[in-house]
Structure formats: C-alpha cells, structure tokens
Amino acid sequence: MIKGILFILLFLSCAKETPDPEPGSIPEIEEAELAINTYYVAPPPLGHDNNPGTKEKPWATWNKAFNAFEVGPDDTVYFRGGVYYHTYLDGGYGYGCTRSGKADHYVNYLNYPGETPILDCGAIKPAGMLNYPVYMRHLAYAHFRGLHIRNVWQADGEDEVQAWTITESHDIIVERCVVYNTHGLSFSSNVNNEVYYINCDSYNNCDSLTTVPANNPMPGNDGTGFSDFNWHTSDTRVYYINCRAWNSGDQGFTSGSNGYTEYDGCWSFRNGLLEGGGHGFKMGWIAKVDPSITHRLYKNCLAVYNRRYGFDSNDQGYYCGSLQVYNNTSYHNGYYNQGKVAAGFYVYNTLDTDERELLRLYKNNISYANEMGDIIVGKNGIYIHERNSWDNPPGVKITDATFISTDSSGLAGPRQADGSLPDLDFLKLAPGSPAIDAGTKSTGLSYKGSAPDLGAYEH
C-alpha cells in the first residue's frame, strides 16, 4: 500500500495545534490517513477505462479518474505523465468530479511524482456558447496536485471559456496546478467555501475572437487567470497562496465575491493583451455588503508590468467591500503608449457611504515607477492609508537603490523543486534600504526587526 503525499511542507510550521483549523490555515492530512487505496490513470495505449486502475493496468481518462465508483475518502489517484486528449462537451460542460471525501479524509488526485499529466482540450468544438471542459460542482474534501490543462478555445467570438471551474463546493485544495493557453478564464471559483489555490500558475489567457458586445467589442477583455465570484452569500472563504498569473487579456486575479477572499504572496504581471483591461489585481465588485466581515485581504503580493493598474479597487458603480491591502509592491505598470490611465493603485468612488469607503485600508505598500503615478483616487473617493510609499514616511524615498534588483528576469521561470515561487532578488529590499522597519504595526502581520518593512518582502 502506497502511503500518500508529503503535504504542503512550506506551511507545516504555521499549523494550528487546535482540533479545528482557524480560517485561513491550510487543512492538514495525517500521513497515516492517506492512500487507503491507490489507483492510476495513464494515456493510451497503456491506459483503458475498462482496466481495474492498477499501476500495471491504469485507467485512460480524467473523466474515469474523477468519477470511478471505487474511489472514496482517503484514496489516491495518481495521474501518470503525458498528454490526455479531451474531446467532448455535454451542453457546454465537460468532465465533472463526483467522488468527494469527508472531513479529515480527503480524496487525492495527484500527479505521479516527477511526472506531468496534461489535459489538452484543443480538439473540443463547442456546439453552443460555453466551453467549460472541467466543471466540478458539489464537491467536498478533494485535493488536486500537479495537474495541467491547456488549449481551451472559442469556436467563435460569442463563446465563453472557463478551463477549470469549481462551483458550490467546499474544502478543496488545488496545489501546483497549471492552466495555460485559453480564450478566457483559467481557474474559476464560484460560491465556494474553504477552497485553497496554492502554488498554481495561469498564463496566456486571451479571448482573441471576441466580437461582443456588438457596439463595443473588446477582444482580450475576458482573459483572466484566477477568478473568485460569489453574489449569493457572505459565508465563504477562498485563498490564493503564492500563485502567479501573466499574459492575460484583462487581469491576472479578480474577485467579485460577497464573501472573504485572501491573496497571499501572489504575482500578477504582463497582463493586458489586445484590448483587455490590463490589471494586476481587481479587488472590488460586491453586490451586497456584510458589515460583519472583511471582504478582501491582499498581502505580500506583486503587480508589475501590467498595461494599466497594478491594484484596482474595481468597485465603481457597486457597494464598497472592506479591503485590507497590506505590504504589496506595484512596479512599472503602464508604459504601453496607448494613452490610457495607468498607475500603481487606483481607488474609486463607490455607491456606498463615506463610512463604508473608509473600510478600505492601505498600509505599508510600495508603489514605484508606474506610468501615471503611485496612486490615483477617483473624484470623491476616500480610503484610509498609512505608511505607504506615497504617504512619504519620514526618511523614506523609493529609488532603484531601494531594491537589490529591478531586473525581472525569471518572473515566469520554473518554480523551485517544492513548488514554491522562484527565489529572485527582484524588488527585494537592499541592505540599508530606507523602507526597512518603516511600516506600521497596525496591520497585525508578522515582521522582523523593530517594525514591519514596506512592500511585498520583509528584509
């Protein structure tokens, strides 16, 4: 019997000792509970869905792996490396996943160690207006690791594309997964609770065929890396941890949720292909406010080289959610010579009251070398800001010398062996930088030294 996985080593040092995890802590799976049964899937000719799913006689399709009646709590399905070809949709929807685990007993869908399984969707020709090749609904206690999805296309300009959708589900971990080459949205989370995207990548998302709306078609404007959407309830929590998004038409990360969404250590860069918006992070877009919760937390994130804004509150024309934007860095956004407003941060006026707008908190952020300034605040918009670079903290002036390096080489490069982000000097604070120990302690985030540093990296 094969014992399962060494689970998320990067975060074990932060594990809670209490039986019930605090919101935002990553669920732990005890090694002794893993891999009660182990199954395998491999591309043909070795794989066949009539096989028993053993290592010698594996299944052939992701559809079989996600829905085999044999698979249950504590079981592990290993995906062998190679290309799997996805060819069909039913009413616009492709592979679902019906095999849930239970509390503390996850079902594990993992890449075989050292191998890369790729689901290629390029042969799918949607007959309707939807192309959702992987669509998981009502799933619980499932862990996905090391799966890749690619080539999800529009058949014409009216088609909507979402490569991997998880909806109305809870207690899901998506770890070290990659989606790339789509005509729309890569990772879509809809009305989910306790869902974690950890060390995932998304790139090359651009709806280049789009012809709608007819009065103002904007090819590229639905190209998105990661999206969290929920206008139904405020009792949900979704987390993005050390994820990357780049080369999307519109934005790398967007959230339109009435619940809580957290972004920790994420990178969003080079977004804004064709006529897309070109934002790093879109933060607002709330239909109804629950005054008892924080709606968004952004910490230690990078937004660089996007066509327009690094961090966009995106709440114009909507109600104002409470935002906590702490210790992020926005660098060199704009400079696309298209005459559009481009800045490090943009804060809008909203439909809400001044009292609600003052729940948007920006602290310890760095905004530097953006085309039209560090931050733009819309007419009549207000927010609370403290110890950001644009607040001119005493003795702090941001220059190139503030950082070890402003060379972004490697942003889209290979991750480290454990799945963590590349270890770059880019925008890390140089020894003796005036941004060291220049922040406020009121964020509640951990820090080294006498006070928090400014920006995404603690020196």
Protein backbone atom coordinates (compact mmCIF):
# COMPACT_ATOMS: atom_id res chain seq x y z
CA MET A 1 0.00 0.00 0.00
CA ILE A 2 1.46 3.27 -1.03
CA LYS A 3 1.45 5.99 1.60
CA GLY A 4 0.16 9.27 0.20
CA ILE A 5 1.75 12.64 -0.01
CA LEU A 6 4.07 14.85 2.00
CA PHE A 7 1.53 17.59 2.36
CA ILE A 8 2.41 21.25 1.81
CA LEU A 9 5.72 21.34 3.64
CA LEU A 10 6.02 25.05 3.16
CA PHE A 11 3.17 25.67 5.61
CA LEU A 12 3.58 22.99 8.28
CA SER A 13 5.45 25.40 10.55
CA CYS A 14 2.30 27.54 10.72
CA ALA A 15 -0.06 24.65 11.58
CA LYS A 16 -2.53 25.12 14.42
CA GLU A 17 -2.48 22.76 17.38
CA THR A 18 -6.19 23.11 17.98
CA PRO A 19 -8.50 20.39 16.54
CA ASP A 20 -10.41 22.82 14.35
CA PRO A 21 -8.29 24.95 11.99
CA GLU A 22 -8.61 28.70 12.14
CA PRO A 23 -9.94 30.40 9.00
CA GLY A 24 -7.05 30.73 6.58
CA SER A 25 -4.99 27.84 7.99
CA ILE A 26 -4.37 25.07 5.50
CA PRO A 27 -6.03 21.75 6.38
CA GLU A 28 -3.61 19.06 7.47
CA ILE A 29 -3.87 15.45 6.36
CA GLU A 30 -2.17 12.93 8.60
CA GLU A 31 0.12 10.59 6.69
CA ALA A 32 -1.42 7.56 8.38
CA GLU A 33 -4.79 8.52 6.91
CA LEU A 34 -3.60 8.67 3.31
CA ALA A 35 -3.87 6.18 0.48
CA ILE A 36 -6.24 3.54 1.81
CA ASN A 37 -6.48 2.55 -1.84
CA THR A 38 -4.33 3.73 -4.72
CA TYR A 39 -5.40 3.97 -8.36
CA TYR A 40 -3.68 5.06 -11.57
CA VAL A 41 -4.58 6.74 -14.84
CA ALA A 42 -2.32 6.90 -17.91
CA PRO A 43 -2.77 7.90 -21.55
CA PRO A 44 -3.47 5.18 -24.12
CA PRO A 45 -2.26 2.72 -25.23
CA LEU A 46 -1.33 1.72 -21.67
CA GLY A 47 -4.47 3.19 -20.17
CA HIS A 48 -8.01 1.93 -20.79
CA ASP A 49 -11.15 2.83 -18.86
CA ASN A 50 -12.15 -0.84 -18.64
CA ASN A 51 -8.95 -1.56 -16.73
CA PRO A 52 -9.02 -2.02 -12.93
CA GLY A 53 -6.99 1.17 -12.35
CA THR A 54 -3.86 -0.55 -11.12
CA LYS A 55 -0.35 0.67 -11.86
CA GLU A 56 0.07 -2.08 -14.45
CA LYS A 57 -3.44 -1.64 -15.90
CA PRO A 58 -4.42 2.01 -15.36
CA TRP A 59 -7.49 3.90 -16.45
CA ALA A 60 -7.20 6.11 -19.54
CA THR A 61 -9.21 9.31 -18.97
CA TRP A 62 -9.51 12.04 -16.39
CA ASN A 63 -13.27 11.56 -16.58
CA LYS A 64 -12.91 7.98 -15.32
CA ALA A 65 -10.45 9.04 -12.63
CA PHE A 66 -12.75 11.79 -11.33
CA ASN A 67 -15.88 9.62 -11.28
CA ALA A 68 -14.85 6.00 -10.67
CA PHE A 69 -17.18 4.46 -8.10
CA GLU A 70 -14.24 2.66 -6.49
CA VAL A 71 -12.61 5.92 -5.33
CA GLY A 72 -13.53 7.19 -1.89
CA PRO A 73 -12.24 9.06 1.18
CA ASP A 74 -8.51 8.60 1.88
CA ASP A 75 -7.91 7.15 -1.58
CA THR A 76 -5.32 8.47 -4.02
CA VAL A 77 -5.50 8.54 -7.81
CA TYR A 78 -2.13 9.06 -9.49
CA PHE A 79 -2.04 10.67 -12.94
CA ARG A 80 0.91 9.43 -14.98
CA GLY A 81 2.76 11.90 -17.17
CA GLY A 82 1.83 12.56 -20.79
CA VAL A 83 -0.89 14.21 -22.84
CA TYR A 84 -4.54 13.26 -22.38
CA TYR A 85 -6.92 14.48 -25.10
CA HIS A 86 -10.33 15.84 -24.07
CA THR A 87 -12.80 15.77 -26.95
CA TYR A 88 -16.40 16.28 -25.83
CA LEU A 89 -18.82 18.57 -24.01
CA ASP A 90 -22.38 17.96 -22.84
CA GLY A 91 -24.34 21.20 -23.04
CA GLY A 92 -21.09 23.15 -22.82
CA TYR A 93 -19.74 21.20 -19.82
CA GLY A 94 -17.01 18.57 -19.80
CA TYR A 95 -15.54 16.46 -17.00
CA GLY A 96 -17.13 16.68 -13.60
CA CYS A 97 -15.93 15.14 -10.36
CA THR A 98 -18.36 13.19 -8.18
CA ARG A 99 -16.06 11.47 -5.69
CA SER A 100 -15.93 13.53 -2.51
CA GLY A 101 -14.08 12.78 0.68
CA LYS A 102 -15.14 13.71 4.17
CA ALA A 103 -13.73 15.79 7.00
CA ASP A 104 -10.05 14.90 7.55
CA HIS A 105 -10.31 12.20 4.87
CA TYR A 106 -9.66 13.80 1.51
CA VAL A 107 -9.78 12.18 -1.90
CA ASN A 108 -6.41 12.86 -3.54
CA TYR A 109 -5.93 13.42 -7.28
CA LEU A 110 -2.17 13.78 -7.71
CA ASN A 111 0.41 13.81 -10.43
CA TYR A 112 2.66 10.80 -10.20
CA PRO A 113 5.90 12.06 -8.59
CA GLY A 114 8.22 13.61 -11.14
CA GLU A 115 5.70 13.41 -13.99
CA THR A 116 3.46 16.00 -15.68
CA PRO A 117 -0.06 14.98 -16.75
CA ILE A 118 -1.55 17.42 -19.31
CA LEU A 119 -5.22 17.60 -20.33
CA ASP A 120 -5.27 19.01 -23.88
CA CYS A 121 -8.66 20.50 -24.80
CA GLY A 122 -7.72 21.80 -28.23
CA ALA A 123 -9.91 19.31 -30.10
CA ILE A 124 -13.12 20.43 -28.35
CA LYS A 125 -15.51 22.28 -30.67
CA PRO A 126 -18.28 23.78 -28.53
CA ALA A 127 -21.65 23.49 -30.24
CA GLY A 128 -23.23 26.14 -28.01
CA MET A 129 -21.75 29.22 -26.38
CA LEU A 130 -19.93 27.55 -23.47
CA ASN A 131 -16.62 25.73 -23.32
CA TYR A 132 -16.14 24.53 -19.73
CA PRO A 133 -14.02 21.40 -20.20
CA VAL A 134 -13.55 20.73 -16.45
CA TYR A 135 -16.60 21.68 -14.39
CA MET A 136 -16.79 20.43 -10.80
CA ARG A 137 -19.92 21.04 -8.75
CA HIS A 138 -20.98 20.00 -5.25
CA LEU A 139 -17.57 18.56 -4.44
CA ALA A 140 -16.06 18.31 -0.95
CA TYR A 141 -12.77 17.34 0.66
CA ALA A 142 -10.77 16.84 -2.51
CA HIS A 143 -7.10 17.56 -3.10
CA PHE A 144 -5.68 18.14 -6.59
CA ARG A 145 -1.94 18.40 -7.20
CA GLY A 146 0.27 18.79 -10.25
CA LEU A 147 -2.44 18.68 -12.94
CA HIS A 148 -2.07 20.77 -16.12
CA ILE A 149 -4.83 21.93 -18.51
CA ARG A 150 -4.18 23.66 -21.83
CA ASN A 151 -5.65 24.83 -25.16
CA VAL A 152 -9.23 25.81 -24.30
CA TRP A 153 -10.57 27.75 -27.28
CA GLN A 154 -13.52 29.73 -28.52
CA ALA A 155 -15.16 28.42 -31.69
CA ASP A 156 -16.40 31.94 -32.41
CA GLY A 157 -16.43 35.34 -30.78
CA GLU A 158 -19.58 34.74 -28.69
CA ASP A 159 -18.26 31.72 -26.80
CA GLU A 160 -17.47 31.86 -23.08
CA VAL A 161 -14.46 29.89 -21.91
CA GLN A 162 -13.63 28.67 -18.39
CA ALA A 163 -10.95 25.99 -18.30
CA TRP A 164 -11.31 24.66 -14.74
CA THR A 165 -14.44 25.63 -12.82
CA ILE A 166 -15.17 24.64 -9.23
CA THR A 167 -18.60 25.71 -8.02
CA GLU A 168 -20.78 25.28 -4.93
CA SER A 169 -18.09 23.18 -3.29
CA HIS A 170 -16.13 23.24 -0.06
CA ASP A 171 -12.85 22.11 1.47
CA ILE A 172 -10.91 21.84 -1.78
CA ILE A 173 -7.14 22.14 -2.24
CA VAL A 174 -5.72 22.90 -5.69
CA GLU A 175 -1.94 22.70 -5.41
CA ARG A 176 0.83 23.14 -8.01
CA CYS A 177 -1.68 23.01 -10.86
CA VAL A 178 -1.24 24.94 -14.13
CA VAL A 179 -3.71 26.20 -16.74
CA TYR A 180 -2.48 27.92 -19.90
CA ASN A 181 -3.44 28.84 -23.45
CA THR A 182 -7.12 29.70 -23.13
CA HIS A 183 -9.54 32.05 -24.84
CA GLY A 184 -10.94 33.18 -21.50
CA LEU A 185 -10.64 32.23 -17.84
CA SER A 186 -8.24 29.65 -16.39
CA PHE A 187 -9.21 28.95 -12.75
CA SER A 188 -12.80 29.82 -11.85
CA SER A 189 -14.12 29.61 -8.28
CA ASN A 190 -17.87 30.18 -7.86
CA VAL A 191 -19.69 30.21 -4.49
CA ASN A 192 -17.12 28.02 -2.75
CA ASN A 193 -16.02 27.79 0.87
CA GLU A 194 -12.62 26.84 2.27
CA VAL A 195 -11.02 26.49 -1.15
CA TYR A 196 -7.24 26.89 -1.42
CA TYR A 197 -5.22 27.57 -4.57
CA ILE A 198 -1.58 27.01 -3.61
CA ASN A 199 1.46 27.47 -5.86
CA CYS A 200 -0.67 27.45 -9.02
CA ASP A 201 0.14 29.16 -12.33
CA SER A 202 -2.03 30.61 -15.10
CA TYR A 203 -0.84 32.25 -18.30
CA ASN A 204 -1.75 33.10 -21.89
CA ASN A 205 -5.47 33.79 -21.38
CA CYS A 206 -6.90 36.00 -24.12
CA ASP A 207 -10.33 35.82 -25.79
CA SER A 208 -8.93 37.00 -29.09
CA LEU A 209 -12.04 36.08 -31.15
CA THR A 210 -14.49 38.07 -29.02
CA THR A 211 -16.96 40.16 -31.03
CA VAL A 212 -19.40 41.10 -28.23
CA PRO A 213 -20.90 43.44 -27.32
CA ALA A 214 -21.57 44.41 -30.90
CA ASN A 215 -21.41 48.14 -30.14
CA ASN A 216 -18.00 47.90 -28.46
CA PRO A 217 -16.25 44.54 -28.90
CA MET A 218 -13.12 44.26 -26.81
CA PRO A 219 -11.01 41.23 -27.74
CA GLY A 220 -8.95 40.16 -24.77
CA ASN A 221 -11.21 41.69 -22.14
CA ASP A 222 -12.38 38.36 -20.67
CA GLY A 223 -8.92 36.85 -20.43
CA THR A 224 -8.31 36.15 -16.73
CA GLY A 225 -6.00 33.95 -14.69
CA PHE A 226 -7.88 33.42 -11.40
CA SER A 227 -11.46 34.47 -10.62
CA ASP A 228 -13.48 34.18 -7.42
CA PHE A 229 -17.17 35.02 -7.90
CA ASN A 230 -19.99 34.80 -5.37
CA TRP A 231 -23.02 37.09 -5.13
CA HIS A 232 -25.10 34.62 -3.11
CA THR A 233 -23.67 34.51 0.42
CA SER A 234 -21.06 36.15 2.62
CA ASP A 235 -20.27 32.92 4.47
CA THR A 236 -17.48 31.77 2.16
CA ARG A 237 -13.67 31.86 2.21
CA VAL A 238 -11.30 31.37 -0.71
CA TYR A 239 -7.49 31.62 -0.55
CA TYR A 240 -4.80 32.18 -3.19
CA ILE A 241 -1.32 31.44 -1.87
CA ASN A 242 1.88 32.03 -3.88
CA CYS A 243 0.06 31.81 -7.22
CA ARG A 244 1.16 33.51 -10.47
CA ALA A 245 -0.82 34.93 -13.39
CA TRP A 246 0.63 36.51 -16.52
CA ASN A 247 -0.12 37.27 -20.17
CA SER A 248 -3.87 37.58 -19.67
CA GLY A 249 -6.00 39.92 -21.73
CA ASP A 250 -7.76 41.56 -18.79
CA GLN A 251 -6.40 40.81 -15.31
CA GLY A 252 -4.35 38.23 -13.51
CA PHE A 253 -6.64 38.00 -10.45
CA THR A 254 -10.21 39.20 -9.97
CA SER A 255 -12.74 38.84 -7.17
CA GLY A 256 -16.45 39.60 -7.26
CA SER A 257 -17.43 37.89 -4.04
CA ASN A 258 -19.65 38.88 -1.14
CA GLY A 259 -17.52 36.57 1.00
CA TYR A 260 -13.88 36.63 2.10
CA THR A 261 -11.04 36.23 -0.38
CA GLU A 262 -7.36 36.26 0.57
CA TYR A 263 -4.32 36.75 -1.65
CA ASP A 264 -1.00 35.92 -0.03
CA GLY A 265 2.31 36.22 -1.89
CA CYS A 266 0.77 36.18 -5.39
CA TRP A 267 2.42 37.62 -8.52
CA SER A 268 0.49 39.24 -11.38
CA PHE A 269 2.43 40.61 -14.34
CA ARG A 270 2.37 41.47 -18.04
CA ASN A 271 -1.43 41.42 -18.28
CA GLY A 272 -3.29 43.49 -20.87
CA LEU A 273 -3.20 41.73 -24.24
CA LEU A 274 -5.13 43.13 -27.23
CA GLU A 275 -7.92 45.40 -25.90
CA GLY A 276 -8.17 43.85 -22.45
CA GLY A 277 -8.17 45.92 -19.29
CA GLY A 278 -4.63 45.01 -18.28
CA HIS A 279 -4.79 44.96 -14.47
CA GLY A 280 -2.80 43.00 -11.95
CA PHE A 281 -5.48 42.60 -9.26
CA LYS A 282 -9.13 43.67 -9.45
CA MET A 283 -10.38 43.82 -5.90
CA GLY A 284 -13.96 45.09 -5.54
CA TRP A 285 -17.18 44.23 -7.35
CA ILE A 286 -19.52 43.45 -4.47
CA ALA A 287 -23.29 43.18 -4.87
CA LYS A 288 -24.24 43.27 -1.19
CA VAL A 289 -22.21 44.16 1.88
CA ASP A 290 -22.00 42.11 5.04
CA PRO A 291 -20.72 44.70 7.55
CA SER A 292 -19.51 41.98 9.92
CA ILE A 293 -16.70 40.65 7.72
CA THR A 294 -13.57 41.69 5.88
CA HIS A 295 -14.11 41.02 2.20
CA ARG A 296 -10.52 41.03 0.88
CA LEU A 297 -7.01 40.71 2.23
CA TYR A 298 -4.04 41.34 -0.09
CA LYS A 299 -0.65 40.83 1.48
CA ASN A 300 2.88 40.44 0.15
CA CYS A 301 1.76 40.45 -3.49
CA LEU A 302 3.49 41.81 -6.61
CA ALA A 303 1.79 43.62 -9.51
CA VAL A 304 4.31 44.58 -12.19
CA TYR A 305 4.44 45.43 -15.90
CA ASN A 306 0.65 45.37 -16.35
CA ARG A 307 -0.85 47.59 -19.01
CA ARG A 308 -2.92 49.69 -16.61
CA TYR A 309 -3.25 49.43 -12.82
CA GLY A 310 -1.36 47.13 -10.51
CA PHE A 311 -4.15 47.09 -7.88
CA ASP A 312 -7.60 48.31 -8.95
CA SER A 313 -10.36 48.65 -6.31
CA ASN A 314 -12.82 47.98 -9.18
CA ASP A 315 -15.81 48.97 -7.05
CA GLN A 316 -17.10 51.90 -9.08
CA GLY A 317 -20.87 51.53 -9.50
CA TYR A 318 -21.01 48.89 -6.74
CA TYR A 319 -21.17 48.73 -2.97
CA CYS A 320 -17.94 49.06 -1.06
CA GLY A 321 -16.43 45.97 0.45
CA SER A 322 -13.89 46.19 3.23
CA LEU A 323 -10.38 45.85 1.83
CA GLN A 324 -7.13 45.23 3.67
CA VAL A 325 -4.25 45.94 1.31
CA TYR A 326 -1.04 45.41 3.24
CA ASN A 327 2.62 45.12 2.26
CA ASN A 328 2.30 44.82 -1.50
CA THR A 329 4.50 46.18 -4.28
CA SER A 330 3.28 47.73 -7.54
CA TYR A 331 6.01 48.48 -10.06
CA HIS A 332 6.32 49.74 -13.63
CA ASN A 333 2.67 49.39 -14.62
CA GLY A 334 1.74 51.25 -17.79
CA TYR A 335 4.16 52.43 -20.48
CA TYR A 336 2.21 50.76 -23.29
CA ASN A 337 1.90 54.02 -25.26
CA GLN A 338 -1.87 53.71 -25.61
CA GLY A 339 -2.98 56.87 -23.86
CA LYS A 340 -4.86 55.03 -21.11
CA VAL A 341 -4.60 55.85 -17.43
CA ALA A 342 -2.03 53.59 -15.79
CA ALA A 343 -0.88 53.74 -12.18
CA GLY A 344 0.28 51.57 -9.33
CA PHE A 345 -3.02 51.70 -7.40
CA TYR A 346 -6.47 53.04 -8.29
CA VAL A 347 -9.14 53.74 -5.65
CA TYR A 348 -12.66 54.53 -6.90
CA ASN A 349 -15.62 56.37 -5.51
CA THR A 350 -18.49 53.92 -4.93
CA LEU A 351 -22.25 53.72 -4.43
CA ASP A 352 -21.64 53.43 -0.71
CA THR A 353 -21.25 55.85 2.18
CA ASP A 354 -18.06 57.54 3.26
CA GLU A 355 -18.15 55.35 6.38
CA ARG A 356 -18.03 52.23 4.23
CA GLU A 357 -15.35 53.60 1.93
CA LEU A 358 -13.14 54.20 4.95
CA LEU A 359 -13.06 50.43 5.50
CA ARG A 360 -10.64 50.27 2.57
CA LEU A 361 -7.28 50.13 4.34
CA TYR A 362 -3.95 50.53 2.51
CA LYS A 363 -0.83 50.16 4.65
CA ASN A 364 2.88 49.51 4.12
CA ASN A 365 2.63 49.27 0.34
CA ILE A 366 5.25 50.35 -2.19
CA SER A 367 4.25 51.90 -5.49
CA TYR A 368 7.14 52.87 -7.70
CA ALA A 369 7.96 53.80 -11.30
CA ASN A 370 4.40 53.47 -12.60
CA GLU A 371 3.49 55.48 -15.68
CA MET A 372 1.00 57.96 -14.20
CA GLY A 373 1.88 57.88 -10.56
CA ASP A 374 1.84 55.84 -7.42
CA ILE A 375 -1.91 56.02 -6.80
CA ILE A 376 -4.98 57.66 -8.34
CA VAL A 377 -8.09 58.30 -6.23
CA GLY A 378 -11.33 58.87 -8.10
CA LYS A 379 -13.35 62.03 -7.54
CA ASN A 380 -14.98 61.95 -4.08
CA GLY A 381 -13.40 58.61 -3.30
CA ILE A 382 -11.85 58.20 0.14
CA TYR A 383 -9.85 55.49 1.89
CA ILE A 384 -7.55 55.05 4.90
CA HIS A 385 -3.85 54.95 4.13
CA GLU A 386 -0.86 54.70 6.43
CA ARG A 387 2.86 54.34 5.84
CA ASN A 388 2.62 53.61 2.14
CA SER A 389 5.43 54.88 -0.06
CA TRP A 390 3.12 57.60 -1.42
CA ASP A 391 2.42 58.78 2.14
CA ASN A 392 6.07 59.89 2.27
CA PRO A 393 7.04 58.28 5.59
CA PRO A 394 9.86 60.28 7.20
CA GLY A 395 13.21 59.43 5.70
CA VAL A 396 11.77 57.12 3.02
CA LYS A 397 12.35 57.87 -0.64
CA ILE A 398 11.91 54.98 -3.06
CA THR A 399 14.52 54.71 -5.82
CA ASP A 400 16.12 51.86 -7.74
CA ALA A 401 18.68 51.67 -4.94
CA THR A 402 15.87 50.72 -2.52
CA PHE A 403 15.94 47.23 -4.04
CA ILE A 404 18.56 44.56 -4.53
CA SER A 405 17.47 44.38 -8.18
CA THR A 406 14.91 45.77 -10.60
CA ASP A 407 15.73 43.04 -13.13
CA SER A 408 12.56 40.97 -13.53
CA SER A 409 14.21 38.06 -15.34
CA GLY A 410 12.76 34.81 -14.05
CA LEU A 411 9.29 36.05 -13.04
CA ALA A 412 7.73 33.42 -15.31
CA GLY A 413 10.54 30.95 -14.80
CA PRO A 414 10.42 27.48 -13.27
CA ARG A 415 9.28 27.12 -9.71
CA GLN A 416 11.51 25.59 -7.08
CA ALA A 417 11.51 21.84 -6.52
CA ASP A 418 8.94 22.09 -3.72
CA GLY A 419 6.59 24.17 -5.89
CA SER A 420 7.38 27.49 -4.25
CA LEU A 421 7.94 30.66 -6.25
CA PRO A 422 11.30 31.33 -7.92
CA ASP A 423 13.81 32.81 -5.49
CA LEU A 424 14.59 36.15 -7.16
CA ASP A 425 16.23 39.35 -5.96
CA PHE A 426 13.68 41.35 -7.96
CA LEU A 427 12.17 44.11 -5.78
CA LYS A 428 13.52 42.66 -2.56
CA LEU A 429 14.81 45.36 -0.24
CA ALA A 430 18.53 46.06 -0.33
CA PRO A 431 20.54 46.11 2.90
CA GLY A 432 20.26 49.55 4.41
CA SER A 433 17.12 50.40 2.40
CA PRO A 434 15.06 53.22 3.97
CA ALA A 435 11.97 51.01 3.52
CA ILE A 436 13.26 48.59 6.18
CA ASP A 437 11.41 48.97 9.51
CA ALA A 438 9.46 51.91 8.01
CA GLY A 439 5.96 50.41 8.25
CA THR A 440 3.13 50.48 10.74
CA LYS A 441 2.47 47.59 13.10
CA SER A 442 -1.29 48.10 12.89
CA THR A 443 -1.74 45.52 10.11
CA GLY A 444 -1.30 42.68 12.58
CA LEU A 445 1.02 40.86 10.16
CA SER A 446 4.24 39.29 11.44
CA TYR A 447 7.51 41.08 10.84
CA LYS A 448 11.21 41.07 11.69
CA GLY A 449 13.15 43.95 13.20
CA SER A 450 11.71 46.88 15.11
CA ALA A 451 8.74 47.42 12.75
CA PRO A 452 7.35 45.98 9.51
CA ASP A 453 9.12 46.84 6.26
CA LEU A 454 7.38 48.42 3.28
CA GLY A 455 6.48 46.34 0.26
CA ALA A 456 6.00 42.68 -0.53
CA TYR A 457 9.19 41.34 1.05
CA GLU A 458 10.29 41.52 4.66
CA HIS A 459 14.06 42.04 4.68
